[in-house]
Amino acid sequence: MSADVSEAIQKLELPPLRTLDDFALGSARFQLPNLKDFDKWGNRVVKNLIYYQTNYFLMFITIYGIMVIFNPFKIVCGLLVQAMMVAVLLQFFQKKTRIIVSHSAADNQKWYMLAGALLVGYLFLHFFDALLLSGFTLLLPFSLTFVHASLRLRNLKNKVANTMVNLSASTPMGVFLDTFNIAADSLLN
C-alpha cells in the first residue's frame, strides 16, 4: 500500500507557477459566469483549477500561514478540538464486535466513552470561537479559489495549455479532481 502511494507521489508533476500578471493583474480578465449554463461554468472552473493549480496552492499556503501567524493558539486549539470530536464520534459509531473479557471492563469502557464525550462537549463550548476561526481559516482559501476560478476568463495561453496537457491524474489538481470524479467536458471550450 505504501509503495503504491510513494510511486503515485513520484509520478506527480507540478505545473509551472503562472505570473501574477496572468493570474490576477494586468492581462487577467474577469466576468461573472452565465449562471443558467452550469456545464459551461463548471468547465471554466475545472480548466482554471488545472491551469492555475500551482498559484492556487501557493495562495492557500499564504492565506493559511497568515491566519496562523495572527492567531496561532486559537487555530491549534480549534484543530485539536476538531480532531478530538472526530475521534470520539468514530469511537462512538464504530461497529466492530468487542470481546468482553469481564463485565467490569465493559462498564469501564462505557465510563471512558462518557468522560470523553463530556470532555469534548466542554472543549467544544469553551473553544467555540477557536473552532469557528479554524474552520474559517480552512474554508477561506477554498472559497477564494472557487471565486477566482469562476470569474477568471480563460485566455489563449490557458486554452493552448489545456489542449497540450493531458487532464489525467499526473498533477496534484488532477488527482484531486479524479477523486471527486470531476472532468472537463471538452478540451477546446
N, C-alpha and C. Protein backbone atom coordinates (compact mmCIF):
# COMPACT_ATOMS: atom_id res chain seq x y z
N MET A 1 0.82 -1.19 0.00
CA MET A 1 0.00 0.00 0.00
C MET A 1 0.86 1.25 0.00
N SER A 2 1.85 1.31 0.89
CA SER A 2 2.70 2.49 0.97
C SER A 2 3.59 2.61 -0.26
N ALA A 3 3.95 1.48 -0.88
CA ALA A 3 4.75 1.52 -2.11
C ALA A 3 3.93 2.13 -3.25
N ASP A 4 2.63 1.80 -3.31
CA ASP A 4 1.77 2.37 -4.34
C ASP A 4 1.63 3.87 -4.17
N VAL A 5 1.50 4.31 -2.93
CA VAL A 5 1.35 5.75 -2.65
C VAL A 5 2.63 6.48 -3.02
N SER A 6 3.78 5.92 -2.65
CA SER A 6 5.05 6.59 -2.96
C SER A 6 5.29 6.64 -4.47
N GLU A 7 4.89 5.59 -5.20
CA GLU A 7 5.01 5.62 -6.66
C GLU A 7 4.10 6.68 -7.27
N ALA A 8 2.89 6.80 -6.74
CA ALA A 8 1.96 7.81 -7.25
C ALA A 8 2.47 9.21 -6.98
N ILE A 9 3.07 9.42 -5.82
CA ILE A 9 3.61 10.74 -5.49
C ILE A 9 4.79 11.07 -6.39
N GLN A 10 5.62 10.09 -6.69
CA GLN A 10 6.77 10.34 -7.55
C GLN A 10 6.36 10.65 -8.98
N LYS A 11 5.22 10.15 -9.42
CA LYS A 11 4.74 10.40 -10.78
C LYS A 11 4.08 11.77 -10.93
N LEU A 12 3.76 12.43 -9.81
CA LEU A 12 3.09 13.72 -9.88
C LEU A 12 4.04 14.77 -10.46
N GLU A 13 3.48 15.61 -11.31
CA GLU A 13 4.23 16.71 -11.89
C GLU A 13 3.59 18.01 -11.44
N LEU A 14 4.41 18.93 -10.96
CA LEU A 14 3.89 20.22 -10.53
C LEU A 14 3.98 21.19 -11.71
N PRO A 15 2.85 21.70 -12.18
CA PRO A 15 2.87 22.62 -13.30
C PRO A 15 3.55 23.93 -12.92
N PRO A 16 3.93 24.73 -13.90
CA PRO A 16 4.65 25.98 -13.59
C PRO A 16 3.76 26.99 -12.88
N LEU A 17 4.41 27.84 -12.12
CA LEU A 17 3.72 28.94 -11.44
C LEU A 17 3.42 30.01 -12.47
N ARG A 18 2.17 30.38 -12.60
CA ARG A 18 1.78 31.42 -13.56
C ARG A 18 2.11 32.79 -12.97
N THR A 19 2.39 33.73 -13.83
CA THR A 19 2.77 35.07 -13.37
C THR A 19 1.59 35.75 -12.68
N LEU A 20 1.92 36.68 -11.80
CA LEU A 20 0.88 37.43 -11.11
C LEU A 20 0.07 38.26 -12.10
N ASP A 21 0.73 38.73 -13.15
CA ASP A 21 0.04 39.49 -14.19
C ASP A 21 -1.01 38.61 -14.88
N ASP A 22 -0.65 37.37 -15.15
CA ASP A 22 -1.59 36.44 -15.79
C ASP A 22 -2.66 35.97 -14.81
N PHE A 23 -2.29 35.82 -13.54
CA PHE A 23 -3.20 35.26 -12.55
C PHE A 23 -4.27 36.26 -12.09
N ALA A 24 -3.87 37.48 -11.79
CA ALA A 24 -4.84 38.39 -11.19
C ALA A 24 -4.73 39.84 -11.64
N LEU A 25 -3.65 40.22 -12.27
CA LEU A 25 -3.46 41.64 -12.57
C LEU A 25 -3.70 41.94 -14.04
N GLY A 26 -2.84 42.72 -14.66
CA GLY A 26 -2.96 43.31 -15.99
C GLY A 26 -3.71 42.54 -17.05
N SER A 27 -3.20 41.40 -17.47
CA SER A 27 -3.83 40.70 -18.59
C SER A 27 -5.01 39.84 -18.16
N ALA A 28 -5.25 39.74 -16.87
CA ALA A 28 -6.36 38.91 -16.37
C ALA A 28 -7.69 39.59 -16.68
N ARG A 29 -8.62 38.78 -17.19
CA ARG A 29 -9.98 39.28 -17.46
C ARG A 29 -10.95 38.49 -16.60
N PHE A 30 -11.85 39.22 -15.97
CA PHE A 30 -12.82 38.59 -15.08
C PHE A 30 -14.23 38.96 -15.54
N GLN A 31 -15.12 37.98 -15.43
CA GLN A 31 -16.51 38.20 -15.80
C GLN A 31 -17.37 37.20 -15.04
N LEU A 32 -18.56 37.65 -14.65
CA LEU A 32 -19.48 36.73 -13.99
C LEU A 32 -19.86 35.60 -14.96
N PRO A 33 -19.89 34.38 -14.48
CA PRO A 33 -20.29 33.28 -15.37
C PRO A 33 -21.79 33.31 -15.63
N ASN A 34 -22.18 32.65 -16.70
CA ASN A 34 -23.59 32.51 -17.02
C ASN A 34 -24.17 31.51 -16.02
N LEU A 35 -24.96 32.00 -15.10
CA LEU A 35 -25.49 31.16 -14.03
C LEU A 35 -26.56 30.19 -14.52
N LYS A 36 -27.03 30.39 -15.74
CA LYS A 36 -28.04 29.48 -16.29
C LYS A 36 -27.40 28.27 -16.98
N ASP A 37 -26.13 28.37 -17.32
CA ASP A 37 -25.44 27.28 -18.01
C ASP A 37 -24.38 26.69 -17.07
N PHE A 38 -24.81 25.73 -16.25
CA PHE A 38 -23.91 25.15 -15.26
C PHE A 38 -22.78 24.35 -15.90
N ASP A 39 -23.03 23.73 -17.05
CA ASP A 39 -21.98 22.95 -17.69
C ASP A 39 -20.82 23.83 -18.14
N LYS A 40 -21.13 24.95 -18.76
CA LYS A 40 -20.09 25.86 -19.22
C LYS A 40 -19.34 26.48 -18.03
N TRP A 41 -20.07 26.83 -16.99
CA TRP A 41 -19.46 27.39 -15.79
C TRP A 41 -18.55 26.36 -15.14
N GLY A 42 -19.04 25.14 -14.99
CA GLY A 42 -18.23 24.08 -14.39
C GLY A 42 -16.98 23.79 -15.20
N ASN A 43 -17.12 23.82 -16.53
CA ASN A 43 -15.98 23.59 -17.39
C ASN A 43 -14.92 24.69 -17.20
N ARG A 44 -15.38 25.94 -17.07
CA ARG A 44 -14.46 27.04 -16.83
C ARG A 44 -13.72 26.86 -15.51
N VAL A 45 -14.46 26.46 -14.48
CA VAL A 45 -13.85 26.27 -13.17
C VAL A 45 -12.80 25.17 -13.21
N VAL A 46 -13.14 24.03 -13.81
CA VAL A 46 -12.22 22.90 -13.86
C VAL A 46 -10.95 23.27 -14.62
N LYS A 47 -11.11 23.92 -15.76
CA LYS A 47 -9.93 24.26 -16.56
C LYS A 47 -9.07 25.32 -15.87
N ASN A 48 -9.69 26.27 -15.17
CA ASN A 48 -8.90 27.23 -14.41
C ASN A 48 -8.21 26.56 -13.23
N LEU A 49 -8.88 25.61 -12.58
CA LEU A 49 -8.24 24.88 -11.49
C LEU A 49 -7.01 24.13 -11.98
N ILE A 50 -7.10 23.56 -13.14
CA ILE A 50 -5.96 22.82 -13.69
C ILE A 50 -4.85 23.77 -14.13
N TYR A 51 -5.20 24.85 -14.79
CA TYR A 51 -4.20 25.76 -15.33
C TYR A 51 -3.47 26.53 -14.23
N TYR A 52 -4.21 27.00 -13.22
CA TYR A 52 -3.62 27.82 -12.16
C TYR A 52 -3.40 27.04 -10.87
N GLN A 53 -3.28 25.73 -10.93
CA GLN A 53 -3.23 24.94 -9.70
C GLN A 53 -2.04 25.29 -8.80
N THR A 54 -0.91 25.60 -9.34
CA THR A 54 0.23 25.97 -8.51
C THR A 54 -0.02 27.31 -7.83
N ASN A 55 -0.63 28.24 -8.55
CA ASN A 55 -0.97 29.53 -7.96
C ASN A 55 -2.00 29.35 -6.84
N TYR A 56 -2.98 28.48 -7.04
CA TYR A 56 -3.98 28.23 -6.00
C TYR A 56 -3.36 27.59 -4.77
N PHE A 57 -2.43 26.67 -4.99
CA PHE A 57 -1.74 26.03 -3.87
C PHE A 57 -0.93 27.07 -3.08
N LEU A 58 -0.23 27.92 -3.78
CA LEU A 58 0.55 28.97 -3.13
C LEU A 58 -0.36 29.95 -2.40
N MET A 59 -1.51 30.28 -2.99
CA MET A 59 -2.47 31.17 -2.35
C MET A 59 -3.02 30.52 -1.07
N PHE A 60 -3.30 29.22 -1.11
CA PHE A 60 -3.79 28.51 0.06
C PHE A 60 -2.76 28.56 1.19
N ILE A 61 -1.51 28.24 0.87
CA ILE A 61 -0.45 28.24 1.88
C ILE A 61 -0.25 29.64 2.46
N THR A 62 -0.28 30.66 1.61
CA THR A 62 -0.08 32.03 2.06
C THR A 62 -1.20 32.48 3.00
N ILE A 63 -2.44 32.28 2.59
CA ILE A 63 -3.57 32.71 3.42
C ILE A 63 -3.60 31.92 4.73
N TYR A 64 -3.40 30.61 4.65
CA TYR A 64 -3.41 29.80 5.86
C TYR A 64 -2.27 30.21 6.78
N GLY A 65 -1.09 30.47 6.21
CA GLY A 65 0.05 30.89 7.02
C GLY A 65 -0.18 32.22 7.70
N ILE A 66 -0.77 33.17 6.99
CA ILE A 66 -1.07 34.48 7.58
C ILE A 66 -2.06 34.34 8.73
N MET A 67 -3.08 33.53 8.53
CA MET A 67 -4.08 33.34 9.59
C MET A 67 -3.46 32.65 10.81
N VAL A 68 -2.57 31.69 10.58
CA VAL A 68 -1.91 31.00 11.70
C VAL A 68 -0.97 31.95 12.43
N ILE A 69 -0.29 32.83 11.70
CA ILE A 69 0.61 33.78 12.35
C ILE A 69 -0.17 34.74 13.25
N PHE A 70 -1.34 35.18 12.81
CA PHE A 70 -2.12 36.13 13.61
C PHE A 70 -2.81 35.48 14.80
N ASN A 71 -3.23 34.22 14.69
CA ASN A 71 -3.96 33.55 15.77
C ASN A 71 -3.47 32.11 15.95
N PRO A 72 -2.22 31.90 16.31
CA PRO A 72 -1.72 30.52 16.36
C PRO A 72 -2.40 29.68 17.44
N PHE A 73 -2.60 30.24 18.64
CA PHE A 73 -3.17 29.46 19.73
C PHE A 73 -4.60 29.02 19.43
N LYS A 74 -5.41 29.95 18.93
CA LYS A 74 -6.81 29.62 18.66
C LYS A 74 -6.93 28.59 17.54
N ILE A 75 -6.12 28.71 16.52
CA ILE A 75 -6.23 27.78 15.40
C ILE A 75 -5.76 26.39 15.82
N VAL A 76 -4.67 26.31 16.57
CA VAL A 76 -4.19 25.00 17.04
C VAL A 76 -5.22 24.38 17.98
N CYS A 77 -5.78 25.17 18.90
CA CYS A 77 -6.81 24.65 19.81
C CYS A 77 -8.04 24.19 19.03
N GLY A 78 -8.46 24.98 18.04
CA GLY A 78 -9.61 24.60 17.23
C GLY A 78 -9.38 23.30 16.48
N LEU A 79 -8.18 23.15 15.90
CA LEU A 79 -7.88 21.91 15.18
C LEU A 79 -7.81 20.71 16.12
N LEU A 80 -7.25 20.91 17.31
CA LEU A 80 -7.19 19.82 18.28
C LEU A 80 -8.58 19.40 18.75
N VAL A 81 -9.44 20.36 19.01
CA VAL A 81 -10.81 20.03 19.44
C VAL A 81 -11.55 19.33 18.30
N GLN A 82 -11.35 19.79 17.06
CA GLN A 82 -11.98 19.10 15.93
C GLN A 82 -11.48 17.67 15.81
N ALA A 83 -10.18 17.46 16.00
CA ALA A 83 -9.63 16.10 15.93
C ALA A 83 -10.20 15.23 17.06
N MET A 84 -10.34 15.80 18.25
CA MET A 84 -10.91 15.04 19.36
C MET A 84 -12.38 14.70 19.10
N MET A 85 -13.11 15.65 18.51
CA MET A 85 -14.52 15.38 18.19
C MET A 85 -14.63 14.24 17.18
N VAL A 86 -13.79 14.25 16.17
CA VAL A 86 -13.81 13.18 15.17
C VAL A 86 -13.45 11.85 15.82
N ALA A 87 -12.44 11.85 16.69
CA ALA A 87 -12.03 10.61 17.36
C ALA A 87 -13.15 10.04 18.23
N VAL A 88 -13.81 10.89 19.00
CA VAL A 88 -14.90 10.42 19.86
C VAL A 88 -16.07 9.93 19.02
N LEU A 89 -16.41 10.66 17.96
CA LEU A 89 -17.52 10.22 17.10
C LEU A 89 -17.20 8.91 16.39
N LEU A 90 -15.97 8.76 15.93
CA LEU A 90 -15.60 7.49 15.29
C LEU A 90 -15.67 6.34 16.30
N GLN A 91 -15.19 6.58 17.50
CA GLN A 91 -15.24 5.53 18.52
C GLN A 91 -16.68 5.21 18.90
N PHE A 92 -17.51 6.24 18.97
CA PHE A 92 -18.91 6.05 19.38
C PHE A 92 -19.69 5.27 18.33
N PHE A 93 -19.47 5.58 17.05
CA PHE A 93 -20.24 4.94 15.99
C PHE A 93 -19.53 3.75 15.35
N GLN A 94 -18.46 3.34 15.93
CA GLN A 94 -17.73 2.19 15.39
C GLN A 94 -18.56 0.93 15.55
N LYS A 95 -18.62 0.12 14.50
CA LYS A 95 -19.49 -1.06 14.53
C LYS A 95 -18.70 -2.35 14.55
N LYS A 96 -17.61 -2.38 15.26
CA LYS A 96 -16.88 -3.64 15.34
C LYS A 96 -17.32 -4.41 16.58
N THR A 97 -17.18 -5.70 16.50
CA THR A 97 -17.58 -6.52 17.63
C THR A 97 -16.49 -6.42 18.70
N ARG A 98 -16.93 -6.31 19.91
CA ARG A 98 -16.00 -6.18 21.02
C ARG A 98 -16.03 -7.46 21.84
N ILE A 99 -14.86 -7.92 22.15
CA ILE A 99 -14.76 -9.10 23.00
C ILE A 99 -14.73 -8.62 24.45
N ILE A 100 -15.72 -9.01 25.18
CA ILE A 100 -15.82 -8.58 26.57
C ILE A 100 -15.16 -9.63 27.44
N VAL A 101 -14.08 -9.22 28.08
CA VAL A 101 -13.36 -10.13 28.96
C VAL A 101 -14.13 -10.30 30.27
N SER A 102 -14.56 -9.19 30.79
CA SER A 102 -15.34 -9.25 32.02
C SER A 102 -16.38 -8.14 31.98
N HIS A 103 -17.32 -8.25 32.86
CA HIS A 103 -18.38 -7.25 32.92
C HIS A 103 -17.84 -5.90 33.35
N SER A 104 -16.86 -5.87 34.24
CA SER A 104 -16.31 -4.60 34.73
C SER A 104 -15.52 -3.89 33.62
N ALA A 105 -14.90 -4.62 32.69
CA ALA A 105 -14.16 -3.99 31.58
C ALA A 105 -15.12 -3.26 30.66
N ALA A 106 -16.29 -3.86 30.41
CA ALA A 106 -17.30 -3.21 29.57
C ALA A 106 -17.84 -1.96 30.25
N ASP A 107 -18.06 -2.02 31.55
CA ASP A 107 -18.53 -0.85 32.28
C ASP A 107 -17.49 0.26 32.27
N ASN A 108 -16.21 -0.10 32.45
CA ASN A 108 -15.14 0.89 32.42
C ASN A 108 -15.07 1.57 31.05
N GLN A 109 -15.25 0.78 30.00
CA GLN A 109 -15.18 1.36 28.65
C GLN A 109 -16.34 2.35 28.44
N LYS A 110 -17.50 2.04 28.94
CA LYS A 110 -18.63 2.97 28.83
C LYS A 110 -18.34 4.26 29.58
N TRP A 111 -17.72 4.15 30.76
CA TRP A 111 -17.40 5.35 31.53
C TRP A 111 -16.33 6.19 30.83
N TYR A 112 -15.36 5.52 30.21
CA TYR A 112 -14.34 6.26 29.46
C TYR A 112 -14.97 6.98 28.27
N MET A 113 -15.90 6.31 27.64
CA MET A 113 -16.57 6.93 26.50
C MET A 113 -17.40 8.12 26.94
N LEU A 114 -18.10 8.00 28.06
CA LEU A 114 -18.88 9.11 28.60
C LEU A 114 -17.96 10.27 28.99
N ALA A 115 -16.85 9.96 29.63
CA ALA A 115 -15.90 11.01 30.02
C ALA A 115 -15.34 11.71 28.79
N GLY A 116 -15.02 10.94 27.76
CA GLY A 116 -14.51 11.54 26.53
C GLY A 116 -15.53 12.43 25.86
N ALA A 117 -16.78 11.99 25.82
CA ALA A 117 -17.83 12.79 25.21
C ALA A 117 -18.07 14.07 26.00
N LEU A 118 -18.07 13.99 27.33
CA LEU A 118 -18.24 15.18 28.16
C LEU A 118 -17.08 16.15 28.01
N LEU A 119 -15.87 15.61 27.94
CA LEU A 119 -14.69 16.45 27.75
C LEU A 119 -14.73 17.16 26.41
N VAL A 120 -15.08 16.44 25.36
CA VAL A 120 -15.17 17.05 24.04
C VAL A 120 -16.29 18.09 24.01
N GLY A 121 -17.42 17.81 24.66
CA GLY A 121 -18.50 18.79 24.73
C GLY A 121 -18.08 20.05 25.45
N TYR A 122 -17.36 19.90 26.57
CA TYR A 122 -16.86 21.07 27.29
C TYR A 122 -15.88 21.86 26.43
N LEU A 123 -14.93 21.14 25.80
CA LEU A 123 -13.95 21.83 24.95
C LEU A 123 -14.62 22.49 23.75
N PHE A 124 -15.66 21.86 23.23
CA PHE A 124 -16.40 22.46 22.12
C PHE A 124 -16.99 23.80 22.53
N LEU A 125 -17.61 23.85 23.69
CA LEU A 125 -18.21 25.10 24.15
C LEU A 125 -17.16 26.12 24.56
N HIS A 126 -16.09 25.65 25.21
CA HIS A 126 -15.06 26.56 25.68
C HIS A 126 -14.27 27.16 24.52
N PHE A 127 -13.98 26.36 23.50
CA PHE A 127 -13.18 26.83 22.36
C PHE A 127 -14.04 27.00 21.11
N PHE A 128 -15.29 27.41 21.29
CA PHE A 128 -16.17 27.57 20.13
C PHE A 128 -15.63 28.61 19.15
N ASP A 129 -15.10 29.71 19.68
CA ASP A 129 -14.52 30.72 18.79
C ASP A 129 -13.29 30.19 18.07
N ALA A 130 -12.52 29.35 18.72
CA ALA A 130 -11.35 28.74 18.08
C ALA A 130 -11.79 27.77 16.98
N LEU A 131 -12.88 27.04 17.23
CA LEU A 131 -13.40 26.13 16.20
C LEU A 131 -13.87 26.91 14.97
N LEU A 132 -14.59 28.01 15.22
CA LEU A 132 -15.05 28.83 14.10
C LEU A 132 -13.87 29.43 13.33
N LEU A 133 -12.87 29.91 14.05
CA LEU A 133 -11.71 30.51 13.39
C LEU A 133 -10.93 29.48 12.60
N SER A 134 -10.74 28.29 13.14
CA SER A 134 -10.00 27.26 12.40
C SER A 134 -10.80 26.80 11.18
N GLY A 135 -12.11 26.71 11.30
CA GLY A 135 -12.93 26.38 10.13
C GLY A 135 -12.88 27.45 9.07
N PHE A 136 -12.95 28.72 9.51
CA PHE A 136 -12.84 29.84 8.58
C PHE A 136 -11.48 29.85 7.91
N THR A 137 -10.42 29.55 8.67
CA THR A 137 -9.07 29.54 8.12
C THR A 137 -8.93 28.46 7.06
N LEU A 138 -9.59 27.35 7.22
CA LEU A 138 -9.54 26.29 6.20
C LEU A 138 -10.43 26.60 5.00
N LEU A 139 -11.58 27.22 5.23
CA LEU A 139 -12.53 27.45 4.14
C LEU A 139 -12.26 28.71 3.32
N LEU A 140 -11.60 29.71 3.89
CA LEU A 140 -11.34 30.94 3.15
C LEU A 140 -10.51 30.71 1.88
N PRO A 141 -9.39 30.00 1.94
CA PRO A 141 -8.64 29.77 0.70
C PRO A 141 -9.42 28.98 -0.34
N PHE A 142 -10.21 28.00 0.09
CA PHE A 142 -11.03 27.24 -0.85
C PHE A 142 -12.08 28.14 -1.51
N SER A 143 -12.69 29.02 -0.72
CA SER A 143 -13.69 29.93 -1.26
C SER A 143 -13.07 30.90 -2.26
N LEU A 144 -11.92 31.47 -1.93
CA LEU A 144 -11.26 32.39 -2.84
C LEU A 144 -10.82 31.69 -4.13
N THR A 145 -10.39 30.45 -4.01
CA THR A 145 -10.00 29.68 -5.19
C THR A 145 -11.20 29.46 -6.09
N PHE A 146 -12.34 29.08 -5.52
CA PHE A 146 -13.53 28.85 -6.32
C PHE A 146 -14.02 30.14 -6.96
N VAL A 147 -13.98 31.24 -6.24
CA VAL A 147 -14.42 32.52 -6.80
C VAL A 147 -13.51 32.93 -7.95
N HIS A 148 -12.20 32.80 -7.76
CA HIS A 148 -11.27 33.17 -8.83
C HIS A 148 -11.47 32.27 -10.04
N ALA A 149 -11.59 30.97 -9.82
CA ALA A 149 -11.76 30.04 -10.94
C ALA A 149 -13.09 30.26 -11.65
N SER A 150 -14.10 30.73 -10.94
CA SER A 150 -15.39 31.00 -11.56
C SER A 150 -15.37 32.29 -12.37
N LEU A 151 -14.71 33.31 -11.87
CA LEU A 151 -14.75 34.61 -12.52
C LEU A 151 -13.68 34.80 -13.59
N ARG A 152 -12.58 34.08 -13.51
CA ARG A 152 -11.45 34.28 -14.43
C ARG A 152 -11.79 33.72 -15.80
N LEU A 153 -11.76 34.60 -16.79
CA LEU A 153 -11.95 34.16 -18.17
C LEU A 153 -10.66 33.52 -18.66
N ARG A 154 -10.79 32.51 -19.45
CA ARG A 154 -9.61 31.82 -19.96
C ARG A 154 -9.04 32.60 -21.14
N ASN A 155 -7.71 32.70 -21.18
CA ASN A 155 -7.06 33.37 -22.28
C ASN A 155 -6.52 32.33 -23.27
N LEU A 156 -5.85 32.80 -24.29
CA LEU A 156 -5.35 31.89 -25.33
C LEU A 156 -4.31 30.93 -24.77
N LYS A 157 -3.42 31.44 -23.88
CA LYS A 157 -2.40 30.57 -23.28
C LYS A 157 -3.06 29.46 -22.47
N ASN A 158 -4.10 29.79 -21.75
CA ASN A 158 -4.83 28.81 -20.95
C ASN A 158 -5.44 27.74 -21.85
N LYS A 159 -6.06 28.14 -22.94
CA LYS A 159 -6.69 27.18 -23.85
C LYS A 159 -5.66 26.27 -24.50
N VAL A 160 -4.54 26.86 -24.93
CA VAL A 160 -3.49 26.06 -25.57
C VAL A 160 -2.89 25.09 -24.57
N ALA A 161 -2.62 25.57 -23.35
CA ALA A 161 -2.03 24.70 -22.32
C ALA A 161 -2.97 23.56 -21.97
N ASN A 162 -4.26 23.83 -21.91
CA ASN A 162 -5.22 22.76 -21.59
C ASN A 162 -5.33 21.75 -22.72
N THR A 163 -5.11 22.16 -23.97
CA THR A 163 -5.16 21.19 -25.06
C THR A 163 -3.88 20.38 -25.12
N MET A 164 -2.76 20.97 -24.70
CA MET A 164 -1.48 20.28 -24.74
C MET A 164 -1.31 19.31 -23.57
N VAL A 165 -1.88 19.66 -22.44
CA VAL A 165 -1.72 18.85 -21.23
C VAL A 165 -2.83 17.82 -21.17
N ASN A 166 -2.46 16.61 -20.92
CA ASN A 166 -3.45 15.57 -20.71
C ASN A 166 -4.07 15.77 -19.33
N LEU A 167 -5.38 15.77 -19.24
CA LEU A 167 -6.05 16.04 -17.97
C LEU A 167 -6.12 14.79 -17.10
N SER A 168 -5.05 14.03 -17.09
CA SER A 168 -5.03 12.83 -16.27
C SER A 168 -4.60 13.21 -14.85
N ALA A 169 -4.43 12.20 -14.04
CA ALA A 169 -4.08 12.42 -12.64
C ALA A 169 -2.57 12.56 -12.47
N SER A 170 -1.89 13.26 -13.41
CA SER A 170 -0.45 13.42 -13.30
C SER A 170 -0.07 14.67 -12.51
N THR A 171 -1.03 15.49 -12.18
CA THR A 171 -0.78 16.68 -11.37
C THR A 171 -1.60 16.58 -10.08
N PRO A 172 -1.22 17.33 -9.06
CA PRO A 172 -1.99 17.27 -7.80
C PRO A 172 -3.47 17.62 -7.99
N MET A 173 -3.77 18.64 -8.81
CA MET A 173 -5.17 19.01 -9.03
C MET A 173 -5.88 17.91 -9.82
N GLY A 174 -5.16 17.25 -10.73
CA GLY A 174 -5.75 16.13 -11.46
C GLY A 174 -6.15 15.00 -10.53
N VAL A 175 -5.29 14.71 -9.55
CA VAL A 175 -5.61 13.68 -8.55
C VAL A 175 -6.83 14.09 -7.73
N PHE A 176 -6.85 15.36 -7.30
CA PHE A 176 -7.97 15.88 -6.51
C PHE A 176 -9.27 15.80 -7.30
N LEU A 177 -9.25 16.24 -8.57
CA LEU A 177 -10.46 16.21 -9.38
C LEU A 177 -10.89 14.78 -9.71
N ASP A 178 -9.92 13.89 -9.93
CA ASP A 178 -10.26 12.48 -10.18
C ASP A 178 -10.88 11.84 -8.95
N THR A 179 -10.44 12.25 -7.77
CA THR A 179 -11.01 11.71 -6.53
C THR A 179 -12.50 12.00 -6.44
N PHE A 180 -12.89 13.19 -6.88
CA PHE A 180 -14.30 13.57 -6.84
C PHE A 180 -15.00 13.33 -8.17
N ASN A 181 -14.33 12.61 -9.09
CA ASN A 181 -14.90 12.23 -10.39
C ASN A 181 -15.37 13.45 -11.17
N ILE A 182 -14.50 14.47 -11.23
CA ILE A 182 -14.79 15.69 -11.96
C ILE A 182 -13.84 15.76 -13.14
N ALA A 183 -14.41 16.05 -14.32
CA ALA A 183 -13.58 16.15 -15.52
C ALA A 183 -14.08 17.28 -16.37
N ALA A 184 -13.17 17.88 -17.13
CA ALA A 184 -13.56 18.92 -18.09
C ALA A 184 -14.26 18.24 -19.26
N ASP A 185 -15.31 18.89 -19.78
CA ASP A 185 -16.11 18.28 -20.84
C ASP A 185 -15.32 18.12 -22.13
N SER A 186 -14.81 19.21 -22.64
CA SER A 186 -14.03 19.12 -23.87
C SER A 186 -12.84 20.05 -23.75
N LEU A 187 -11.80 19.74 -24.45
CA LEU A 187 -10.57 20.49 -24.31
C LEU A 187 -10.60 21.83 -25.03
N LEU A 188 -11.42 22.01 -26.01
CA LEU A 188 -11.37 23.22 -26.81
C LEU A 188 -12.37 24.28 -26.37
N ASN A 189 -13.17 24.04 -25.35
CA ASN A 189 -14.13 25.04 -24.87
C ASN A 189 -13.44 26.16 -24.15
